[in-house]
C-alpha atoms as a PDB file:
ATOM      1  CA  MET A   1     164.321  98.698 -38.318  1.00  0.00           C
ATOM      2  CA  ALA A   2     165.467  95.586 -37.558  1.00  0.00           C
ATOM      3  CA  THR A   3     166.929  93.713 -40.682  1.00  0.00           C
ATOM      4  CA  PHE A   4     165.709  90.081 -41.336  1.00  0.00           C
ATOM      5  CA  ARG A   5     168.161  88.293 -39.907  1.00  0.00           C
ATOM      6  CA  GLU A   6     167.714  89.970 -36.454  1.00  0.00           C
ATOM      7  CA  LEU A   7     164.268  89.169 -36.731  1.00  0.00           C
ATOM      8  CA  HIS A   8     165.035  85.518 -36.050  1.00  0.00           C
ATOM      9  CA  GLN A   9     166.866  86.552 -32.959  1.00  0.00           C
ATOM     10  CA  GLY A  10     164.182  88.276 -30.740  1.00  0.00           C
ATOM     11  CA  ASN A  11     162.844  87.065 -27.691  1.00  0.00           C
ATOM     12  CA  ALA A  12     159.860  85.145 -29.215  1.00  0.00           C
ATOM     13  CA  PRO A  13     159.765  83.399 -32.576  1.00  0.00           C
ATOM     14  CA  LEU A  14     159.240  85.388 -35.616  1.00  0.00           C
ATOM     15  CA  VAL A  15     155.861  84.769 -36.709  1.00  0.00           C
ATOM     16  CA  LEU A  16     155.859  84.926 -40.787  1.00  0.00           C
ATOM     17  CA  PRO A  17     152.333  85.053 -42.487  1.00  0.00           C
ATOM     18  CA  ASN A  18     152.484  83.699 -45.894  1.00  0.00           C
ATOM     19  CA  ALA A  19     150.819  85.970 -48.741  1.00  0.00           C
ATOM     20  CA  TRP A  20     149.554  84.769 -52.484  1.00  0.00           C
ATOM     21  CA  ASP A  21     148.949  88.000 -53.849  1.00  0.00           C
ATOM     22  CA  VAL A  22     149.136  91.900 -53.400  1.00  0.00           C
ATOM     23  CA  GLY A  23     146.096  92.326 -51.147  1.00  0.00           C
ATOM     24  CA  SER A  24     146.919  89.570 -48.923  1.00  0.00           C
ATOM     25  CA  ALA A  25     150.565  90.853 -48.679  1.00  0.00           C
ATOM     26  CA  LEU A  26     149.059  94.495 -48.032  1.00  0.00           C
ATOM     27  CA  ALA A  27     146.554  93.078 -45.052  1.00  0.00           C
ATOM     28  CA  PHE A  28     149.561  91.301 -43.539  1.00  0.00           C
ATOM     29  CA  VAL A  29     151.582  94.732 -43.420  1.00  0.00           C
ATOM     30  CA  ALA A  30     148.585  96.604 -42.125  1.00  0.00           C
ATOM     31  CA  ALA A  31     148.265  94.232 -39.378  1.00  0.00           C
ATOM     32  CA  GLY A  32     151.801  94.993 -38.249  1.00  0.00           C
ATOM     33  CA  TYR A  33     153.828  92.178 -39.329  1.00  0.00           C
ATOM     34  CA  PRO A  34     157.298  93.049 -40.016  1.00  0.00           C
ATOM     35  CA  ALA A  35     157.837  90.553 -42.378  1.00  0.00           C
ATOM     36  CA  VAL A  36     156.010  88.862 -45.390  1.00  0.00           C
ATOM     37  CA  GLY A  37     156.634  85.459 -47.018  1.00  0.00           C
ATOM     38  CA  THR A  38     154.908  84.064 -50.058  1.00  0.00           C
ATOM     39  CA  THR A  39     153.399  80.647 -50.275  1.00  0.00           C
ATOM     40  CA  SER A  40     154.034  78.498 -53.305  1.00  0.00           C
ATOM     41  CA  PHE A  41     150.719  76.762 -52.874  1.00  0.00           C
ATOM     42  CA  GLY A  42     148.770  79.646 -52.671  1.00  0.00           C
ATOM     43  CA  ILE A  43     150.045  81.357 -55.848  1.00  0.00           C
ATOM     44  CA  ALA A  44     149.805  78.245 -57.479  1.00  0.00           C
ATOM     45  CA  ALA A  45     146.450  77.302 -56.462  1.00  0.00           C
ATOM     46  CA  SER A  46     145.129  81.207 -57.382  1.00  0.00           C
ATOM     47  CA  ALA A  47     146.420  80.551 -60.838  1.00  0.00           C
ATOM     48  CA  GLY A  48     144.749  77.490 -60.998  1.00  0.00           C
ATOM     49  CA  MET A  49     147.762  74.872 -60.736  1.00  0.00           C
ATOM     50  CA  PRO A  50     148.765  72.501 -58.509  1.00  0.00           C
ATOM     51  CA  ASP A  51     151.403  73.136 -56.067  1.00  0.00           C
ATOM     52  CA  GLY A  52     155.054  72.033 -56.869  1.00  0.00           C
ATOM     53  CA  GLY A  53     156.444  70.799 -60.004  1.00  0.00           C
ATOM     54  CA  ARG A  54     157.828  74.387 -60.322  1.00  0.00           C
ATOM     55  CA  SER A  55     154.623  75.467 -61.294  1.00  0.00           C
ATOM     56  CA  SER A  56     154.741  78.884 -59.344  1.00  0.00           C
ATOM     57  CA  ARG A  57     157.997  80.197 -60.656  1.00  0.00           C
ATOM     58  CA  LEU A  58     156.751  83.227 -62.984  1.00  0.00           C
ATOM     59  CA  ALA A  59     154.286  83.940 -60.621  1.00  0.00           C
ATOM     60  CA  THR A  60     156.582  84.088 -57.635  1.00  0.00           C
ATOM     61  CA  ILE A  61     158.614  86.344 -59.737  1.00  0.00           C
ATOM     62  CA  ALA A  62     155.931  88.630 -60.777  1.00  0.00           C
ATOM     63  CA  LEU A  63     154.551  88.918 -57.252  1.00  0.00           C
ATOM     64  CA  ALA A  64     157.990  89.896 -55.956  1.00  0.00           C
ATOM     65  CA  THR A  65     158.424  92.527 -58.326  1.00  0.00           C
ATOM     66  CA  GLN A  66     154.869  93.876 -57.243  1.00  0.00           C
ATOM     67  CA  LEU A  67     155.817  93.886 -53.628  1.00  0.00           C
ATOM     68  CA  ARG A  68     158.884  95.754 -53.804  1.00  0.00           C
ATOM     69  CA  PRO A  69     157.374  99.052 -52.167  1.00  0.00           C
ATOM     70  CA  LEU A  70     156.573  97.044 -49.180  1.00  0.00           C
ATOM     71  CA  LYS A  71     157.994  98.698 -46.116  1.00  0.00           C
ATOM     72  CA  VAL A  72     158.389  95.277 -44.695  1.00  0.00           C
ATOM     73  CA  HIS A  73     160.882  92.474 -45.409  1.00  0.00           C
ATOM     74  CA  LEU A  74     159.911  89.989 -48.045  1.00  0.00           C
ATOM     75  CA  SER A  75     160.631  86.239 -48.262  1.00  0.00           C
ATOM     76  CA  THR A  76     159.937  84.214 -51.163  1.00  0.00           C
ATOM     77  CA  ASP A  77     159.188  80.502 -51.351  1.00  0.00           C
ATOM     78  CA  ILE A  78     161.053  79.493 -54.454  1.00  0.00           C
ATOM     79  CA  GLU A  79     160.218  75.375 -54.045  1.00  0.00           C
ATOM     80  CA  ASP A  80     163.511  73.783 -54.998  1.00  0.00           C
ATOM     81  CA  GLY A  81     164.791  76.896 -56.842  1.00  0.00           C
ATOM     82  CA  TYR A  82     163.037  75.825 -60.053  1.00  0.00           C
ATOM     83  CA  ALA A  83     165.990  74.634 -61.624  1.00  0.00           C
ATOM     84  CA  ASP A  84     168.541  71.777 -61.180  1.00  0.00           C
ATOM     85  CA  VAL A  85     171.736  73.553 -61.994  1.00  0.00           C
ATOM     86  CA  PRO A  86     172.937  75.771 -59.000  1.00  0.00           C
ATOM     87  CA  GLY A  87     173.930  78.534 -61.301  1.00  0.00           C
ATOM     88  CA  ASP A  88     170.217  78.902 -62.578  1.00  0.00           C
ATOM     89  CA  VAL A  89     168.905  79.004 -58.993  1.00  0.00           C
ATOM     90  CA  ALA A  90     171.690  81.480 -57.938  1.00  0.00           C
ATOM     91  CA  ASP A  91     170.435  83.773 -61.251  1.00  0.00           C
ATOM     92  CA  LEU A  92     166.895  83.355 -60.026  1.00  0.00           C
ATOM     93  CA  VAL A  93     167.811  84.796 -56.337  1.00  0.00           C
ATOM     94  CA  ALA A  94     169.713  87.587 -57.802  1.00  0.00           C
ATOM     95  CA  GLU A  95     167.267  88.833 -59.593  1.00  0.00           C
ATOM     96  CA  LEU A  96     164.819  88.584 -56.716  1.00  0.00           C
ATOM     97  CA  SER A  97     167.405  90.196 -54.511  1.00  0.00           C
ATOM     98  CA  ALA A  98     167.522  93.156 -57.054  1.00  0.00           C
ATOM     99  CA  TRP A  99     163.665  93.592 -56.375  1.00  0.00           C
ATOM    100  CA  GLY A 100     164.321  93.869 -52.612  1.00  0.00           C
ATOM    101  CA  VAL A 101     163.658  90.183 -51.645  1.00  0.00           C
ATOM    102  CA  ALA A 102     165.491  89.805 -48.295  1.00  0.00           C
ATOM    103  CA  GLY A 103     165.022  86.047 -47.906  1.00  0.00           C
ATOM    104  CA  VAL A 104     164.277  82.829 -49.688  1.00  0.00           C
ATOM    105  CA  ASN A 105     163.142  79.348 -48.728  1.00  0.00           C
ATOM    106  CA  LEU A 106     164.896  76.465 -50.808  1.00  0.00           C
ATOM    107  CA  GLU A 107     163.421  72.886 -50.680  1.00  0.00           C
ATOM    108  CA  ASP A 108     165.279  69.768 -50.823  1.00  0.00           C
ATOM    109  CA  SER A 109     162.364  67.791 -52.113  1.00  0.00           C
ATOM    110  CA  THR A 110     161.180  67.924 -55.938  1.00  0.00           C
ATOM    111  CA  ASP A 111     157.879  66.217 -56.902  1.00  0.00           C
ATOM    112  CA  GLY A 112     157.297  64.980 -53.501  1.00  0.00           C
ATOM    113  CA  GLN A 113     160.760  63.210 -53.184  1.00  0.00           C
ATOM    114  CA  LEU A 114     164.085  64.147 -51.459  1.00  0.00           C
ATOM    115  CA  VAL A 115     166.870  64.920 -53.308  1.00  0.00           C
ATOM    116  CA  ASP A 116     170.726  64.145 -53.015  1.00  0.00           C
ATOM    117  CA  PRO A 117     171.444  66.463 -50.269  1.00  0.00           C
ATOM    118  CA  ALA A 118     174.789  67.484 -52.079  1.00  0.00           C
ATOM    119  CA  ALA A 119     172.564  68.823 -54.808  1.00  0.00           C
ATOM    120  CA  SER A 120     170.834  71.102 -52.385  1.00  0.00           C
ATOM    121  CA  ALA A 121     174.140  72.090 -50.793  1.00  0.00           C
ATOM    122  CA  ALA A 122     175.317  73.159 -54.365  1.00  0.00           C
ATOM    123  CA  LYS A 123     172.451  75.230 -54.741  1.00  0.00           C
ATOM    124  CA  ILE A 124     172.755  76.896 -51.593  1.00  0.00           C
ATOM    125  CA  ALA A 125     176.715  77.292 -51.963  1.00  0.00           C
ATOM    126  CA  ALA A 126     176.097  78.955 -55.278  1.00  0.00           C
ATOM    127  CA  VAL A 127     173.159  81.409 -54.037  1.00  0.00           C
ATOM    128  CA  LYS A 128     175.159  82.512 -50.871  1.00  0.00           C
ATOM    129  CA  GLN A 129     178.213  83.166 -53.283  1.00  0.00           C
ATOM    130  CA  ARG A 130     175.962  85.354 -55.621  1.00  0.00           C
ATOM    131  CA  SER A 131     174.077  87.004 -53.106  1.00  0.00           C
ATOM    132  CA  PRO A 132     175.567  86.858 -49.726  1.00  0.00           C
ATOM    133  CA  GLY A 133     173.130  89.070 -48.016  1.00  0.00           C
ATOM    134  CA  VAL A 134     169.865  86.943 -48.983  1.00  0.00           C
ATOM    135  CA  PHE A 135     168.804  84.934 -45.860  1.00  0.00           C
ATOM    136  CA  ILE A 136     168.621  81.259 -47.224  1.00  0.00           C
ATOM    137  CA  ASN A 137     165.964  79.392 -45.367  1.00  0.00           C
ATOM    138  CA  ALA A 138     166.931  75.703 -46.198  1.00  0.00           C
ATOM    139  CA  ARG A 139     163.956  73.315 -46.111  1.00  0.00           C
ATOM    140  CA  VAL A 140     164.784  69.847 -45.025  1.00  0.00           C
ATOM    141  CA  ASP A 141     161.599  67.956 -46.346  1.00  0.00           C
ATOM    142  CA  ASN A 142     162.175  64.544 -44.759  1.00  0.00           C
ATOM    143  CA  PHE A 143     159.072  64.771 -42.529  1.00  0.00           C
ATOM    144  CA  TRP A 144     156.884  66.632 -45.080  1.00  0.00           C
ATOM    145  CA  VAL A 145     157.328  63.933 -47.729  1.00  0.00           C
ATOM    146  CA  SER A 146     157.527  61.018 -45.142  1.00  0.00           C
ATOM    147  CA  GLU A 147     160.865  59.900 -46.230  1.00  0.00           C
ATOM    148  CA  GLN A 148     163.771  59.016 -43.836  1.00  0.00           C
ATOM    149  CA  ALA A 149     161.437  61.019 -41.464  1.00  0.00           C
ATOM    150  CA  THR A 150     163.693  60.805 -38.381  1.00  0.00           C
ATOM    151  CA  VAL A 151     165.474  63.280 -36.415  1.00  0.00           C
ATOM    152  CA  ASP A 152     168.996  62.386 -36.991  1.00  0.00           C
ATOM    153  CA  ALA A 153     168.502  62.272 -41.026  1.00  0.00           C
ATOM    154  CA  VAL A 154     167.136  65.792 -41.045  1.00  0.00           C
ATOM    155  CA  LEU A 155     170.090  66.916 -38.834  1.00  0.00           C
ATOM    156  CA  ALA A 156     172.536  65.107 -41.119  1.00  0.00           C
ATOM    157  CA  ARG A 157     170.901  67.332 -43.873  1.00  0.00           C
ATOM    158  CA  ALA A 158     170.522  70.323 -41.889  1.00  0.00           C
ATOM    159  CA  ARG A 159     174.460  70.451 -41.008  1.00  0.00           C
ATOM    160  CA  ARG A 160     175.267  69.826 -44.476  1.00  0.00           C
ATOM    161  CA  TYR A 161     173.307  72.953 -45.471  1.00  0.00           C
ATOM    162  CA  GLU A 162     174.617  74.851 -42.760  1.00  0.00           C
ATOM    163  CA  GLU A 163     178.162  74.240 -43.984  1.00  0.00           C
ATOM    164  CA  ALA A 164     177.067  75.234 -47.663  1.00  0.00           C
ATOM    165  CA  GLY A 165     176.180  78.654 -46.257  1.00  0.00           C
ATOM    166  CA  ALA A 166     172.407  78.388 -45.304  1.00  0.00           C
ATOM    167  CA  ASP A 167     171.263  81.168 -42.814  1.00  0.00           C
ATOM    168  CA  GLY A 168     168.208  79.052 -41.454  1.00  0.00           C
ATOM    169  CA  ILE A 169     166.703  75.616 -41.457  1.00  0.00           C
ATOM    170  CA  PHE A 170     162.740  75.030 -42.060  1.00  0.00           C
ATOM    171  CA  VAL A 171     161.642  71.576 -41.258  1.00  0.00           C
ATOM    172  CA  PRO A 172     157.780  71.497 -42.452  1.00  0.00           C
ATOM    173  CA  GLY A 173     155.697  68.716 -41.023  1.00  0.00           C
ATOM    174  CA  LEU A 174     157.351  68.418 -37.315  1.00  0.00           C
ATOM    175  CA  ALA A 175     154.375  68.199 -34.812  1.00  0.00           C
ATOM    176  CA  ARG A 176     156.014  66.268 -32.186  1.00  0.00           C
ATOM    177  CA  PRO A 177     157.690  68.689 -29.324  1.00  0.00           C
ATOM    178  CA  GLU A 178     160.569  66.122 -28.407  1.00  0.00           C
ATOM    179  CA  ASP A 179     161.370  65.671 -32.423  1.00  0.00           C
ATOM    180  CA  ILE A 180     161.127  69.736 -32.618  1.00  0.00           C
ATOM    181  CA  GLN A 181     163.599  70.316 -28.839  1.00  0.00           C
ATOM    182  CA  ALA A 182     166.111  67.658 -30.487  1.00  0.00           C
ATOM    183  CA  ILE A 183     166.349  69.373 -33.736  1.00  0.00           C
ATOM    184  CA  THR A 184     166.516  72.793 -32.627  1.00  0.00           C
ATOM    185  CA  ALA A 185     169.367  71.523 -29.887  1.00  0.00           C
ATOM    186  CA  GLY A 186     171.143  69.834 -32.552  1.00  0.00           C
ATOM    187  CA  ILE A 187     172.059  72.836 -34.908  1.00  0.00           C
ATOM    188  CA  THR A 188     173.366  76.258 -34.553  1.00  0.00           C
ATOM    189  CA  LEU A 189     171.318  77.899 -37.377  1.00  0.00           C
ATOM    190  CA  PRO A 190     167.611  79.198 -36.492  1.00  0.00           C
ATOM    191  CA  VAL A 191     164.838  76.655 -36.894  1.00  0.00           C
ATOM    192  CA  ASN A 192     161.662  77.600 -38.810  1.00  0.00           C
ATOM    193  CA  VAL A 193     158.263  75.666 -38.662  1.00  0.00           C
ATOM    194  CA  LEU A 194     154.893  75.447 -39.798  1.00  0.00           C
ATOM    195  CA  ALA A 195     152.209  76.686 -37.706  1.00  0.00           C
ATOM    196  CA  HIS A 196     150.559  73.349 -36.124  1.00  0.00           C
ATOM    197  CA  PRO A 197     146.990  73.580 -34.197  1.00  0.00           C
ATOM    198  CA  THR A 198     148.505  71.629 -31.182  1.00  0.00           C
ATOM    199  CA  LEU A 199     151.492  73.854 -30.590  1.00  0.00           C
ATOM    200  CA  ALA A 200     151.442  77.484 -29.634  1.00  0.00           C
ATOM    201  CA  VAL A 201     153.959  80.003 -30.763  1.00  0.00           C
ATOM    202  CA  ALA A 202     154.916  80.618 -27.019  1.00  0.00           C
ATOM    203  CA  GLN A 203     155.371  76.726 -26.663  1.00  0.00           C
ATOM    204  CA  LEU A 204     157.522  76.688 -30.084  1.00  0.00           C
ATOM    205  CA  GLY A 205     159.667  79.312 -28.702  1.00  0.00           C
ATOM    206  CA  GLU A 206     160.441  77.319 -25.314  1.00  0.00           C
ATOM    207  CA  LEU A 207     161.415  74.299 -27.785  1.00  0.00           C
ATOM    208  CA  GLY A 208     164.169  76.355 -29.349  1.00  0.00           C
ATOM    209  CA  VAL A 209     162.215  77.458 -32.431  1.00  0.00           C
ATOM    210  CA  ARG A 210     163.211  81.051 -34.005  1.00  0.00           C
ATOM    211  CA  ARG A 211     160.523  81.285 -36.823  1.00  0.00           C
ATOM    212  CA  VAL A 212     157.012  80.096 -37.437  1.00  0.00           C
ATOM    213  CA  SER A 213     155.411  80.175 -40.842  1.00  0.00           C
ATOM    214  CA  SER A 214     151.551  80.411 -41.523  1.00  0.00           C
ATOM    215  CA  GLY A 215     152.512  78.648 -44.732  1.00  0.00           C
ATOM    216  CA  SER A 216     149.003  78.265 -46.974  1.00  0.00           C
ATOM    217  CA  LEU A 217     147.124  78.163 -44.089  1.00  0.00           C
ATOM    218  CA  PRO A 218     145.715  81.931 -44.418  1.00  0.00           C
ATOM    219  CA  TYR A 219     145.007  81.105 -48.335  1.00  0.00           C
ATOM    220  CA  ARG A 220     143.117  77.941 -47.331  1.00  0.00           C
ATOM    221  CA  ARG A 221     141.144  79.554 -44.628  1.00  0.00           C
ATOM    222  CA  ALA A 222     140.168  82.534 -46.902  1.00  0.00           C
ATOM    223  CA  VAL A 223     138.760  79.988 -49.747  1.00  0.00           C
ATOM    224  CA  ASP A 224     136.912  78.426 -46.734  1.00  0.00           C
ATOM    225  CA  ALA A 225     135.712  82.000 -45.463  1.00  0.00           C
ATOM    226  CA  ALA A 226     134.611  82.899 -48.931  1.00  0.00           C
ATOM    227  CA  VAL A 227     132.477  79.808 -49.405  1.00  0.00           C
ATOM    228  CA  ASP A 228     131.063  80.013 -45.969  1.00  0.00           C
ATOM    229  CA  ALA A 229     130.297  83.674 -46.538  1.00  0.00           C
ATOM    230  CA  VAL A 230     128.285  82.872 -49.771  1.00  0.00           C
ATOM    231  CA  ASN A 231     126.191  79.867 -48.068  1.00  0.00           C
ATOM    232  CA  ALA A 232     125.308  82.167 -45.339  1.00  0.00           C
ATOM    233  CA  LEU A 233     123.725  84.625 -47.949  1.00  0.00           C
ATOM    234  CA  ARG A 234     122.217  81.739 -49.671  1.00  0.00           C
ATOM    235  CA  ASP A 235     120.934  80.057 -46.558  1.00  0.00           C
ATOM    236  CA  GLY A 236     119.582  83.449 -44.903  1.00  0.00           C
ATOM    237  CA  ARG A 237     122.223  83.488 -42.113  1.00  0.00           C
ATOM    238  CA  GLN A 238     123.896  86.250 -40.484  1.00  0.00           C
ATOM    239  CA  LEU A 239     126.457  87.494 -42.951  1.00  0.00           C
ATOM    240  CA  PRO A 240     129.960  87.465 -41.728  1.00  0.00           C
ATOM    241  CA  THR A 241     131.810  90.896 -41.101  1.00  0.00           C
ATOM    242  CA  ALA A 242     134.817  91.948 -43.050  1.00  0.00           C
ATOM    243  CA  THR A 243     137.041  94.906 -43.851  1.00  0.00           C
ATOM    244  CA  PRO A 244     135.127  97.415 -45.361  1.00  0.00           C
ATOM    245  CA  TYR A 245     135.399  97.711 -49.249  1.00  0.00           C
ATOM    246  CA  TRP A 246     136.627 101.381 -48.841  1.00  0.00           C
ATOM    247  CA  ASP A 247     139.393 100.578 -46.312  1.00  0.00           C
ATOM    248  CA  MET A 248     140.793  97.903 -48.696  1.00  0.00           C
ATOM    249  CA  GLN A 249     140.194 100.650 -51.512  1.00  0.00           C
ATOM    250  CA  ARG A 250     142.216 103.017 -49.719  1.00  0.00           C
ATOM    251  CA  GLN A 251     144.939 100.553 -49.096  1.00  0.00           C
ATOM    252  CA  LEU A 252     145.229  99.523 -52.613  1.00  0.00           C
ATOM    253  CA  THR A 253     145.073 103.247 -54.046  1.00  0.00           C
ATOM    254  CA  ALA A 254     148.047 104.400 -51.626  1.00  0.00           C
ATOM    255  CA  PHE A 255     150.139 101.130 -52.693  1.00  0.00           C
ATOM    256  CA  ARG A 256     149.477 102.205 -56.478  1.00  0.00           C
ATOM    257  CA  THR A 257     150.149 105.510 -55.636  1.00  0.00           C
ATOM    258  CA  GLY A 258     153.474 104.984 -53.802  1.00  0.00           C
ATOM    259  CA  LEU A 259     154.530 103.013 -57.088  1.00  0.00           C
ATOM    260  CA  THR A 260     154.275 106.053 -59.310  1.00  0.00           C
ATOM    261  CA  GLU A 261     156.024 108.586 -56.816  1.00  0.00           C
END
């Protein structure tokens, strides 16, 4: 099986689905994805909390421990590392690595505002020193939080994170092809973007993107689909199809059996 790093070097971008619980992760594995990420929004929302504010820390760690038996690579979204002190972030990633996590997303914003890039670079350096094998996907949030949202500002931060030891650069909020191409051409690390309804994966690959994350889209769509299913029942419309109960039960049973063997 290709390493997580090698998956970023294929002929087409790595499409990374983002799970929020064991069931969604198992479904993505069954669909054939070689790697699965987590979504901080989906994890937080399913626990009744808004995203951000370091609310998903305990649930993310718990999910990573549960997903250890998966036969695919796991990348966890850890917001800003859930701490200000670089050593504390390094401790967290070392713990996740011990549970088999292959990569982490590390944001450079906290509570919707950019932080000093020196602080983010220090976290990256500490993580890389402690866990050199973990793929650090450094998230540059200028476009996401609409602050200093220019290509030049993104590139300045990305280059700083590359020098600190990042393995990839994640720029959520990018939608203009010319911006995407300028950023992928301006750095040597693999660039990750969020899925966008106007940009196909093949087109993103042509623009130089090496990884496309679903983000919280699957979670949000699942909630919409749940409401639509029950509305159909109430309104007398044709019920939607779904994976049979017994198929999902077999997946979960096989997963739990693997934990005890």
